Amino acid sequence: MMTSGQLRAARALLGIDQKALAALADVSLPTIQRMEASDGVVRGTVETLTKVIEALNRAGVDLIGDNARSDGGGRGVRFTTPPPRQDS
């Protein structure tokens, strides 16, 4: 499971734009745009989500789920508590 915020943060950590991520994951630019524009958990086909997550992993980014341990030792950022909802 990946949230749109995690996806945007991962791109920011890598210093790449949406087009570059789409190329790394072998998915279309509109797919990445749709994923990042979604509210909360990103939805998509299992194949597409897997491609994006694997591309991020290859680039050096691990997505950490709620209450998951991170023993890898690399640098990163995570919320200590869930952020408050920002309803529009």
PDB file of N, CA and C in Angstrom:
ATOM      1  N   MET A   1       0.846  -1.175   0.000  1.00  0.00           N
ATOM      2  CA  MET A   1       0.000   0.000   0.000  1.00  0.00           C
ATOM      3  C   MET A   1       0.893   1.240   0.000  1.00  0.00           C
ATOM      4  N   MET A   2       0.543   2.193  -0.817  1.00  0.00           N
ATOM      5  CA  MET A   2       1.320   3.413  -0.958  1.00  0.00           C
ATOM      6  C   MET A   2       0.352   4.595  -1.003  1.00  0.00           C
ATOM      7  N   THR A   3       0.714   5.675  -0.333  1.00  0.00           N
ATOM      8  CA  THR A   3      -0.135   6.859  -0.383  1.00  0.00           C
ATOM      9  C   THR A   3       0.417   7.841  -1.415  1.00  0.00           C
ATOM     10  N   SER A   4      -0.446   8.740  -1.837  1.00  0.00           N
ATOM     11  CA  SER A   4      -0.009   9.752  -2.802  1.00  0.00           C
ATOM     12  C   SER A   4       1.082  10.632  -2.194  1.00  0.00           C
ATOM     13  N   GLY A   5       0.991  10.894  -0.901  1.00  0.00           N
ATOM     14  CA  GLY A   5       2.024  11.680  -0.220  1.00  0.00           C
ATOM     15  C   GLY A   5       3.368  10.977  -0.215  1.00  0.00           C
ATOM     16  N   GLN A   6       3.351   9.657  -0.001  1.00  0.00           N
ATOM     17  CA  GLN A   6       4.598   8.894  -0.053  1.00  0.00           C
ATOM     18  C   GLN A   6       5.211   8.956  -1.447  1.00  0.00           C
ATOM     19  N   LEU A   7       4.374   8.864  -2.444  1.00  0.00           N
ATOM     20  CA  LEU A   7       4.863   8.882  -3.821  1.00  0.00           C
ATOM     21  C   LEU A   7       5.514  10.229  -4.140  1.00  0.00           C
ATOM     22  N   ARG A   8       4.854  11.325  -3.757  1.00  0.00           N
ATOM     23  CA  ARG A   8       5.429  12.655  -3.992  1.00  0.00           C
ATOM     24  C   ARG A   8       6.725  12.834  -3.196  1.00  0.00           C
ATOM     25  N   ALA A   9       6.734  12.355  -1.946  1.00  0.00           N
ATOM     26  CA  ALA A   9       7.926  12.476  -1.106  1.00  0.00           C
ATOM     27  C   ALA A   9       9.085  11.660  -1.678  1.00  0.00           C
ATOM     28  N   ALA A  10       8.788  10.475  -2.179  1.00  0.00           N
ATOM     29  CA  ALA A  10       9.825   9.630  -2.767  1.00  0.00           C
ATOM     30  C   ALA A  10      10.458  10.325  -3.969  1.00  0.00           C
ATOM     31  N   ARG A  11       9.621  10.927  -4.797  1.00  0.00           N
ATOM     32  CA  ARG A  11      10.147  11.659  -5.956  1.00  0.00           C
ATOM     33  C   ARG A  11      11.016  12.817  -5.513  1.00  0.00           C
ATOM     34  N   ALA A  12      10.563  13.513  -4.470  1.00  0.00           N
ATOM     35  CA  ALA A  12      11.333  14.654  -3.964  1.00  0.00           C
ATOM     36  C   ALA A  12      12.691  14.199  -3.417  1.00  0.00           C
ATOM     37  N   LEU A  13      12.718  13.078  -2.699  1.00  0.00           N
ATOM     38  CA  LEU A  13      13.982  12.554  -2.185  1.00  0.00           C
ATOM     39  C   LEU A  13      14.950  12.237  -3.321  1.00  0.00           C
ATOM     40  N   LEU A  14      14.414  11.727  -4.400  1.00  0.00           N
ATOM     41  CA  LEU A  14      15.248  11.375  -5.548  1.00  0.00           C
ATOM     42  C   LEU A  14      15.584  12.582  -6.424  1.00  0.00           C
ATOM     43  N   GLY A  15      14.836  13.665  -6.262  1.00  0.00           N
ATOM     44  CA  GLY A  15      15.067  14.853  -7.074  1.00  0.00           C
ATOM     45  C   GLY A  15      14.679  14.657  -8.524  1.00  0.00           C
ATOM     46  N   ILE A  16      13.599  13.884  -8.743  1.00  0.00           N
ATOM     47  CA  ILE A  16      13.152  13.630 -10.116  1.00  0.00           C
ATOM     48  C   ILE A  16      11.730  14.146 -10.303  1.00  0.00           C
ATOM     49  N   ASP A  17      11.367  14.405 -11.541  1.00  0.00           N
ATOM     50  CA  ASP A  17      10.016  14.849 -11.836  1.00  0.00           C
ATOM     51  C   ASP A  17       9.131  13.648 -12.179  1.00  0.00           C
ATOM     52  N   GLN A  18       7.864  13.929 -12.407  1.00  0.00           N
ATOM     53  CA  GLN A  18       6.913  12.858 -12.711  1.00  0.00           C
ATOM     54  C   GLN A  18       7.287  12.109 -13.983  1.00  0.00           C
ATOM     55  N   LYS A  19       7.768  12.838 -14.971  1.00  0.00           N
ATOM     56  CA  LYS A  19       8.147  12.208 -16.244  1.00  0.00           C
ATOM     57  C   LYS A  19       9.281  11.207 -16.036  1.00  0.00           C
ATOM     58  N   ALA A  20      10.263  11.569 -15.227  1.00  0.00           N
ATOM     59  CA  ALA A  20      11.388  10.669 -14.962  1.00  0.00           C
ATOM     60  C   ALA A  20      10.928   9.421 -14.210  1.00  0.00           C
ATOM     61  N   LEU A  21      10.034   9.592 -13.239  1.00  0.00           N
ATOM     62  CA  LEU A  21       9.518   8.430 -12.515  1.00  0.00           C
ATOM     63  C   LEU A  21       8.740   7.521 -13.453  1.00  0.00           C
ATOM     64  N   ALA A  22       7.939   8.100 -14.323  1.00  0.00           N
ATOM     65  CA  ALA A  22       7.180   7.298 -15.290  1.00  0.00           C
ATOM     66  C   ALA A  22       8.133   6.462 -16.147  1.00  0.00           C
ATOM     67  N   ALA A  23       9.224   7.067 -16.571  1.00  0.00           N
ATOM     68  CA  ALA A  23      10.203   6.335 -17.387  1.00  0.00           C
ATOM     69  C   ALA A  23      10.872   5.232 -16.575  1.00  0.00           C
ATOM     70  N   LEU A  24      11.249   5.521 -15.334  1.00  0.00           N
ATOM     71  CA  LEU A  24      11.886   4.514 -14.474  1.00  0.00           C
ATOM     72  C   LEU A  24      10.971   3.315 -14.235  1.00  0.00           C
ATOM     73  N   ALA A  25       9.667   3.599 -14.094  1.00  0.00           N
ATOM     74  CA  ALA A  25       8.701   2.542 -13.775  1.00  0.00           C
ATOM     75  C   ALA A  25       8.088   1.913 -15.021  1.00  0.00           C
ATOM     76  N   ASP A  26       8.381   2.470 -16.180  1.00  0.00           N
ATOM     77  CA  ASP A  26       7.801   1.991 -17.435  1.00  0.00           C
ATOM     78  C   ASP A  26       6.270   2.056 -17.405  1.00  0.00           C
ATOM     79  N   VAL A  27       5.773   3.208 -16.934  1.00  0.00           N
ATOM     80  CA  VAL A  27       4.337   3.487 -16.957  1.00  0.00           C
ATOM     81  C   VAL A  27       4.160   4.859 -17.609  1.00  0.00           C
ATOM     82  N   SER A  28       2.938   5.220 -17.920  1.00  0.00           N
ATOM     83  CA  SER A  28       2.708   6.506 -18.588  1.00  0.00           C
ATOM     84  C   SER A  28       2.759   7.665 -17.591  1.00  0.00           C
ATOM     85  N   LEU A  29       3.079   8.840 -18.115  1.00  0.00           N
ATOM     86  CA  LEU A  29       3.074  10.054 -17.306  1.00  0.00           C
ATOM     87  C   LEU A  29       1.694  10.300 -16.700  1.00  0.00           C
ATOM     88  N   PRO A  30       0.596  10.174 -17.466  1.00  0.00           N
ATOM     89  CA  PRO A  30      -0.719  10.378 -16.862  1.00  0.00           C
ATOM     90  C   PRO A  30      -1.007   9.417 -15.692  1.00  0.00           C
ATOM     91  N   THR A  31      -0.425   8.222 -15.736  1.00  0.00           N
ATOM     92  CA  THR A  31      -0.601   7.276 -14.627  1.00  0.00           C
ATOM     93  C   THR A  31       0.029   7.836 -13.359  1.00  0.00           C
ATOM     94  N   ILE A  32       1.256   8.331 -13.458  1.00  0.00           N
ATOM     95  CA  ILE A  32       1.925   8.920 -12.288  1.00  0.00           C
ATOM     96  C   ILE A  32       1.156  10.142 -11.814  1.00  0.00           C
ATOM     97  N   GLN A  33       0.705  10.976 -12.738  1.00  0.00           N
ATOM     98  CA  GLN A  33      -0.057  12.173 -12.371  1.00  0.00           C
ATOM     99  C   GLN A  33      -1.337  11.796 -11.627  1.00  0.00           C
ATOM    100  N   ARG A  34      -2.029  10.785 -12.114  1.00  0.00           N
ATOM    101  CA  ARG A  34      -3.263  10.329 -11.466  1.00  0.00           C
ATOM    102  C   ARG A  34      -2.969   9.776 -10.068  1.00  0.00           C
ATOM    103  N   MET A  35      -1.903   8.997  -9.953  1.00  0.00           N
ATOM    104  CA  MET A  35      -1.540   8.430  -8.659  1.00  0.00           C
ATOM    105  C   MET A  35      -1.248   9.524  -7.639  1.00  0.00           C
ATOM    106  N   GLU A  36      -0.491  10.518  -8.040  1.00  0.00           N
ATOM    107  CA  GLU A  36      -0.121  11.586  -7.121  1.00  0.00           C
ATOM    108  C   GLU A  36      -1.291  12.504  -6.790  1.00  0.00           C
ATOM    109  N   ALA A  37      -2.270  12.586  -7.667  1.00  0.00           N
ATOM    110  CA  ALA A  37      -3.430  13.445  -7.431  1.00  0.00           C
ATOM    111  C   ALA A  37      -4.494  12.760  -6.575  1.00  0.00           C
ATOM    112  N   SER A  38      -4.343  11.462  -6.362  1.00  0.00           N
ATOM    113  CA  SER A  38      -5.363  10.735  -5.597  1.00  0.00           C
ATOM    114  C   SER A  38      -5.340  11.170  -4.138  1.00  0.00           C
ATOM    115  N   ASP A  39      -6.431  10.910  -3.462  1.00  0.00           N
ATOM    116  CA  ASP A  39      -6.568  11.270  -2.052  1.00  0.00           C
ATOM    117  C   ASP A  39      -6.248  10.047  -1.198  1.00  0.00           C
ATOM    118  N   GLY A  40      -5.146  10.092  -0.486  1.00  0.00           N
ATOM    119  CA  GLY A  40      -4.795   8.980   0.396  1.00  0.00           C
ATOM    120  C   GLY A  40      -4.110   7.848  -0.344  1.00  0.00           C
ATOM    121  N   VAL A  41      -4.616   6.622  -0.123  1.00  0.00           N
ATOM    122  CA  VAL A  41      -3.999   5.427  -0.694  1.00  0.00           C
ATOM    123  C   VAL A  41      -4.141   5.437  -2.213  1.00  0.00           C
ATOM    124  N   VAL A  42      -3.027   5.181  -2.885  1.00  0.00           N
ATOM    125  CA  VAL A  42      -3.008   5.152  -4.347  1.00  0.00           C
ATOM    126  C   VAL A  42      -3.683   3.876  -4.826  1.00  0.00           C
ATOM    127  N   ARG A  43      -4.545   4.028  -5.801  1.00  0.00           N
ATOM    128  CA  ARG A  43      -5.212   2.872  -6.398  1.00  0.00           C
ATOM    129  C   ARG A  43      -4.707   2.685  -7.820  1.00  0.00           C
ATOM    130  N   GLY A  44      -4.733   1.452  -8.249  1.00  0.00           N
ATOM    131  CA  GLY A  44      -4.296   1.120  -9.594  1.00  0.00           C
ATOM    132  C   GLY A  44      -4.216  -0.378  -9.715  1.00  0.00           C
ATOM    133  N   THR A  45      -3.815  -0.845 -10.873  1.00  0.00           N
ATOM    134  CA  THR A  45      -3.676  -2.281 -11.038  1.00  0.00           C
ATOM    135  C   THR A  45      -2.462  -2.748 -10.233  1.00  0.00           C
ATOM    136  N   VAL A  46      -2.490  -3.992  -9.837  1.00  0.00           N
ATOM    137  CA  VAL A  46      -1.373  -4.552  -9.076  1.00  0.00           C
ATOM    138  C   VAL A  46      -0.078  -4.419  -9.873  1.00  0.00           C
ATOM    139  N   GLU A  47      -0.156  -4.675 -11.170  1.00  0.00           N
ATOM    140  CA  GLU A  47       1.034  -4.596 -12.023  1.00  0.00           C
ATOM    141  C   GLU A  47       1.627  -3.184 -12.022  1.00  0.00           C
ATOM    142  N   THR A  48       0.779  -2.168 -12.156  1.00  0.00           N
ATOM    143  CA  THR A  48       1.262  -0.787 -12.193  1.00  0.00           C
ATOM    144  C   THR A  48       1.841  -0.377 -10.852  1.00  0.00           C
ATOM    145  N   LEU A  49       1.141  -0.694  -9.766  1.00  0.00           N
ATOM    146  CA  LEU A  49       1.647  -0.347  -8.438  1.00  0.00           C
ATOM    147  C   LEU A  49       2.988  -1.037  -8.177  1.00  0.00           C
ATOM    148  N   THR A  50       3.095  -2.282  -8.584  1.00  0.00           N
ATOM    149  CA  THR A  50       4.342  -3.025  -8.399  1.00  0.00           C
ATOM    150  C   THR A  50       5.476  -2.385  -9.187  1.00  0.00           C
ATOM    151  N   LYS A  51       5.203  -1.985 -10.422  1.00  0.00           N
ATOM    152  CA  LYS A  51       6.227  -1.339 -11.251  1.00  0.00           C
ATOM    153  C   LYS A  51       6.754  -0.063 -10.591  1.00  0.00           C
ATOM    154  N   VAL A  52       5.843   0.743 -10.061  1.00  0.00           N
ATOM    155  CA  VAL A  52       6.245   2.013  -9.450  1.00  0.00           C
ATOM    156  C   VAL A  52       7.049   1.754  -8.172  1.00  0.00           C
ATOM    157  N   ILE A  53       6.568   0.857  -7.332  1.00  0.00           N
ATOM    158  CA  ILE A  53       7.270   0.562  -6.081  1.00  0.00           C
ATOM    159  C   ILE A  53       8.645  -0.039  -6.363  1.00  0.00           C
ATOM    160  N   GLU A  54       8.731  -0.950  -7.311  1.00  0.00           N
ATOM    161  CA  GLU A  54      10.025  -1.557  -7.659  1.00  0.00           C
ATOM    162  C   GLU A  54      10.983  -0.528  -8.248  1.00  0.00           C
ATOM    163  N   ALA A  55      10.467   0.397  -9.034  1.00  0.00           N
ATOM    164  CA  ALA A  55      11.316   1.456  -9.594  1.00  0.00           C
ATOM    165  C   ALA A  55      11.878   2.329  -8.475  1.00  0.00           C
ATOM    166  N   LEU A  56      11.047   2.669  -7.502  1.00  0.00           N
ATOM    167  CA  LEU A  56      11.514   3.459  -6.366  1.00  0.00           C
ATOM    168  C   LEU A  56      12.551   2.687  -5.565  1.00  0.00           C
ATOM    169  N   ASN A  57      12.319   1.400  -5.354  1.00  0.00           N
ATOM    170  CA  ASN A  57      13.289   0.569  -4.633  1.00  0.00           C
ATOM    171  C   ASN A  57      14.631   0.525  -5.359  1.00  0.00           C
ATOM    172  N   ARG A  58      14.594   0.333  -6.682  1.00  0.00           N
ATOM    173  CA  ARG A  58      15.838   0.303  -7.463  1.00  0.00           C
ATOM    174  C   ARG A  58      16.589   1.626  -7.358  1.00  0.00           C
ATOM    175  N   ALA A  59      15.839   2.717  -7.251  1.00  0.00           N
ATOM    176  CA  ALA A  59      16.449   4.048  -7.161  1.00  0.00           C
ATOM    177  C   ALA A  59      16.939   4.362  -5.747  1.00  0.00           C
ATOM    178  N   GLY A  60      16.607   3.481  -4.785  1.00  0.00           N
ATOM    179  CA  GLY A  60      17.118   3.660  -3.424  1.00  0.00           C
ATOM    180  C   GLY A  60      16.115   4.148  -2.404  1.00  0.00           C
ATOM    181  N   VAL A  61      14.836   4.095  -2.723  1.00  0.00           N
ATOM    182  CA  VAL A  61      13.808   4.570  -1.804  1.00  0.00           C
ATOM    183  C   VAL A  61      12.947   3.396  -1.342  1.00  0.00           C
ATOM    184  N   ASP A  62      12.805   3.260  -0.021  1.00  0.00           N
ATOM    185  CA  ASP A  62      11.904   2.271   0.561  1.00  0.00           C
ATOM    186  C   ASP A  62      10.674   2.998   1.076  1.00  0.00           C
ATOM    187  N   LEU A  63       9.511   2.478   0.763  1.00  0.00           N
ATOM    188  CA  LEU A  63       8.273   3.022   1.303  1.00  0.00           C
ATOM    189  C   LEU A  63       7.982   2.285   2.604  1.00  0.00           C
ATOM    190  N   ILE A  64       7.767   3.022   3.668  1.00  0.00           N
ATOM    191  CA  ILE A  64       7.564   2.434   4.988  1.00  0.00           C
ATOM    192  C   ILE A  64       6.099   2.591   5.368  1.00  0.00           C
ATOM    193  N   GLY A  65       5.450   1.478   5.674  1.00  0.00           N
ATOM    194  CA  GLY A  65       4.050   1.505   6.063  1.00  0.00           C
ATOM    195  C   GLY A  65       3.870   1.895   7.518  1.00  0.00           C
ATOM    196  N   ASP A  66       2.619   2.142   7.907  1.00  0.00           N
ATOM    197  CA  ASP A  66       2.303   2.467   9.295  1.00  0.00           C
ATOM    198  C   ASP A  66       2.839   1.402  10.228  1.00  0.00           C
ATOM    199  N   ASN A  67       3.488   1.833  11.293  1.00  0.00           N
ATOM    200  CA  ASN A  67       4.011   0.960  12.353  1.00  0.00           C
ATOM    201  C   ASN A  67       5.037  -0.056  11.876  1.00  0.00           C
ATOM    202  N   ALA A  68       5.575   0.120  10.679  1.00  0.00           N
ATOM    203  CA  ALA A  68       6.595  -0.798  10.176  1.00  0.00           C
ATOM    204  C   ALA A  68       7.966  -0.354  10.667  1.00  0.00           C
ATOM    205  N   ARG A  69       8.817  -1.322  10.951  1.00  0.00           N
ATOM    206  CA  ARG A  69      10.192  -1.037  11.357  1.00  0.00           C
ATOM    207  C   ARG A  69      11.021  -0.673  10.127  1.00  0.00           C
ATOM    208  N   SER A  70      12.010   0.144  10.364  1.00  0.00           N
ATOM    209  CA  SER A  70      12.936   0.506   9.306  1.00  0.00           C
ATOM    210  C   SER A  70      14.344   0.260   9.817  1.00  0.00           C
ATOM    211  N   ASP A  71      14.875  -0.907   9.518  1.00  0.00           N
ATOM    212  CA  ASP A  71      16.188  -1.295  10.014  1.00  0.00           C
ATOM    213  C   ASP A  71      17.291  -1.111   8.979  1.00  0.00           C
ATOM    214  N   GLY A  72      16.957  -0.570   7.827  1.00  0.00           N
ATOM    215  CA  GLY A  72      17.921  -0.463   6.740  1.00  0.00           C
ATOM    216  C   GLY A  72      19.082   0.471   7.008  1.00  0.00           C
ATOM    217  N   GLY A  73      18.901   1.444   7.858  1.00  0.00           N
ATOM    218  CA  GLY A  73      19.986   2.346   8.193  1.00  0.00           C
ATOM    219  C   GLY A  73      20.163   3.528   7.276  1.00  0.00           C
ATOM    220  N   GLY A  74      19.391   3.616   6.200  1.00  0.00           N
ATOM    221  CA  GLY A  74      19.505   4.757   5.299  1.00  0.00           C
ATOM    222  C   GLY A  74      18.763   5.973   5.844  1.00  0.00           C
ATOM    223  N   ARG A  75      19.007   7.097   5.231  1.00  0.00           N
ATOM    224  CA  ARG A  75      18.315   8.311   5.631  1.00  0.00           C
ATOM    225  C   ARG A  75      16.886   8.256   5.156  1.00  0.00           C
ATOM    226  N   GLY A  76      16.018   8.983   5.818  1.00  0.00           N
ATOM    227  CA  GLY A  76      14.627   9.012   5.398  1.00  0.00           C
ATOM    228  C   GLY A  76      13.814   9.935   6.262  1.00  0.00           C
ATOM    229  N   VAL A  77      12.550  10.011   5.948  1.00  0.00           N
ATOM    230  CA  VAL A  77      11.613  10.858   6.666  1.00  0.00           C
ATOM    231  C   VAL A  77      10.344  10.066   6.874  1.00  0.00           C
ATOM    232  N   ARG A  78       9.767  10.210   8.062  1.00  0.00           N
ATOM    233  CA  ARG A  78       8.482   9.573   8.304  1.00  0.00           C
ATOM    234  C   ARG A  78       7.725  10.371   9.350  1.00  0.00           C
ATOM    235  N   PHE A  79       6.408  10.255   9.330  1.00  0.00           N
ATOM    236  CA  PHE A  79       5.577  10.885  10.345  1.00  0.00           C
ATOM    237  C   PHE A  79       5.693  10.101  11.643  1.00  0.00           C
ATOM    238  N   THR A  80       5.733  10.810  12.775  1.00  0.00           N
ATOM    239  CA  THR A  80       5.702  10.126  14.059  1.00  0.00           C
ATOM    240  C   THR A  80       4.279   9.762  14.432  1.00  0.00           C
ATOM    241  N   THR A  81       3.346  10.567  13.981  1.00  0.00           N
ATOM    242  CA  THR A  81       1.923  10.297  14.133  1.00  0.00           C
ATOM    243  C   THR A  81       1.253  10.643  12.829  1.00  0.00           C
ATOM    244  N   PRO A  82       0.101  10.067  12.545  1.00  0.00           N
ATOM    245  CA  PRO A  82      -0.571  10.426  11.298  1.00  0.00           C
ATOM    246  C   PRO A  82      -0.850  11.929  11.248  1.00  0.00           C
ATOM    247  N   PRO A  83      -0.640  12.534  10.099  1.00  0.00           N
ATOM    248  CA  PRO A  83      -0.906  13.974   9.988  1.00  0.00           C
ATOM    249  C   PRO A  83      -2.401  14.234  10.065  1.00  0.00           C
ATOM    250  N   PRO A  84      -2.779  15.410  10.546  1.00  0.00           N
ATOM    251  CA  PRO A  84      -4.222  15.714  10.559  1.00  0.00           C
ATOM    252  C   PRO A  84      -4.757  15.825   9.147  1.00  0.00           C
ATOM    253  N   ARG A  85      -6.004  15.409   8.958  1.00  0.00           N
ATOM    254  CA  ARG A  85      -6.631  15.524   7.641  1.00  0.00           C
ATOM    255  C   ARG A  85      -6.826  16.977   7.297  1.00  0.00           C
ATOM    256  N   GLN A  86      -6.571  17.293   6.062  1.00  0.00           N
ATOM    257  CA  GLN A  86      -6.775  18.652   5.583  1.00  0.00           C
ATOM    258  C   GLN A  86      -7.930  18.633   4.615  1.00  0.00           C
ATOM    259  N   ASP A  87      -9.124  18.770   5.135  1.00  0.00           N
ATOM    260  CA  ASP A  87     -10.302  18.768   4.271  1.00  0.00           C
ATOM    261  C   ASP A  87     -10.424  20.103   3.574  1.00  0.00           C
ATOM    262  N   SER A  88     -10.758  20.035   2.314  1.00  0.00           N
ATOM    263  CA  SER A  88     -10.889  21.267   1.514  1.00  0.00           C
ATOM    264  C   SER A  88     -12.286  21.794   1.609  1.00  0.00           C
TER     265      SER A  88
END
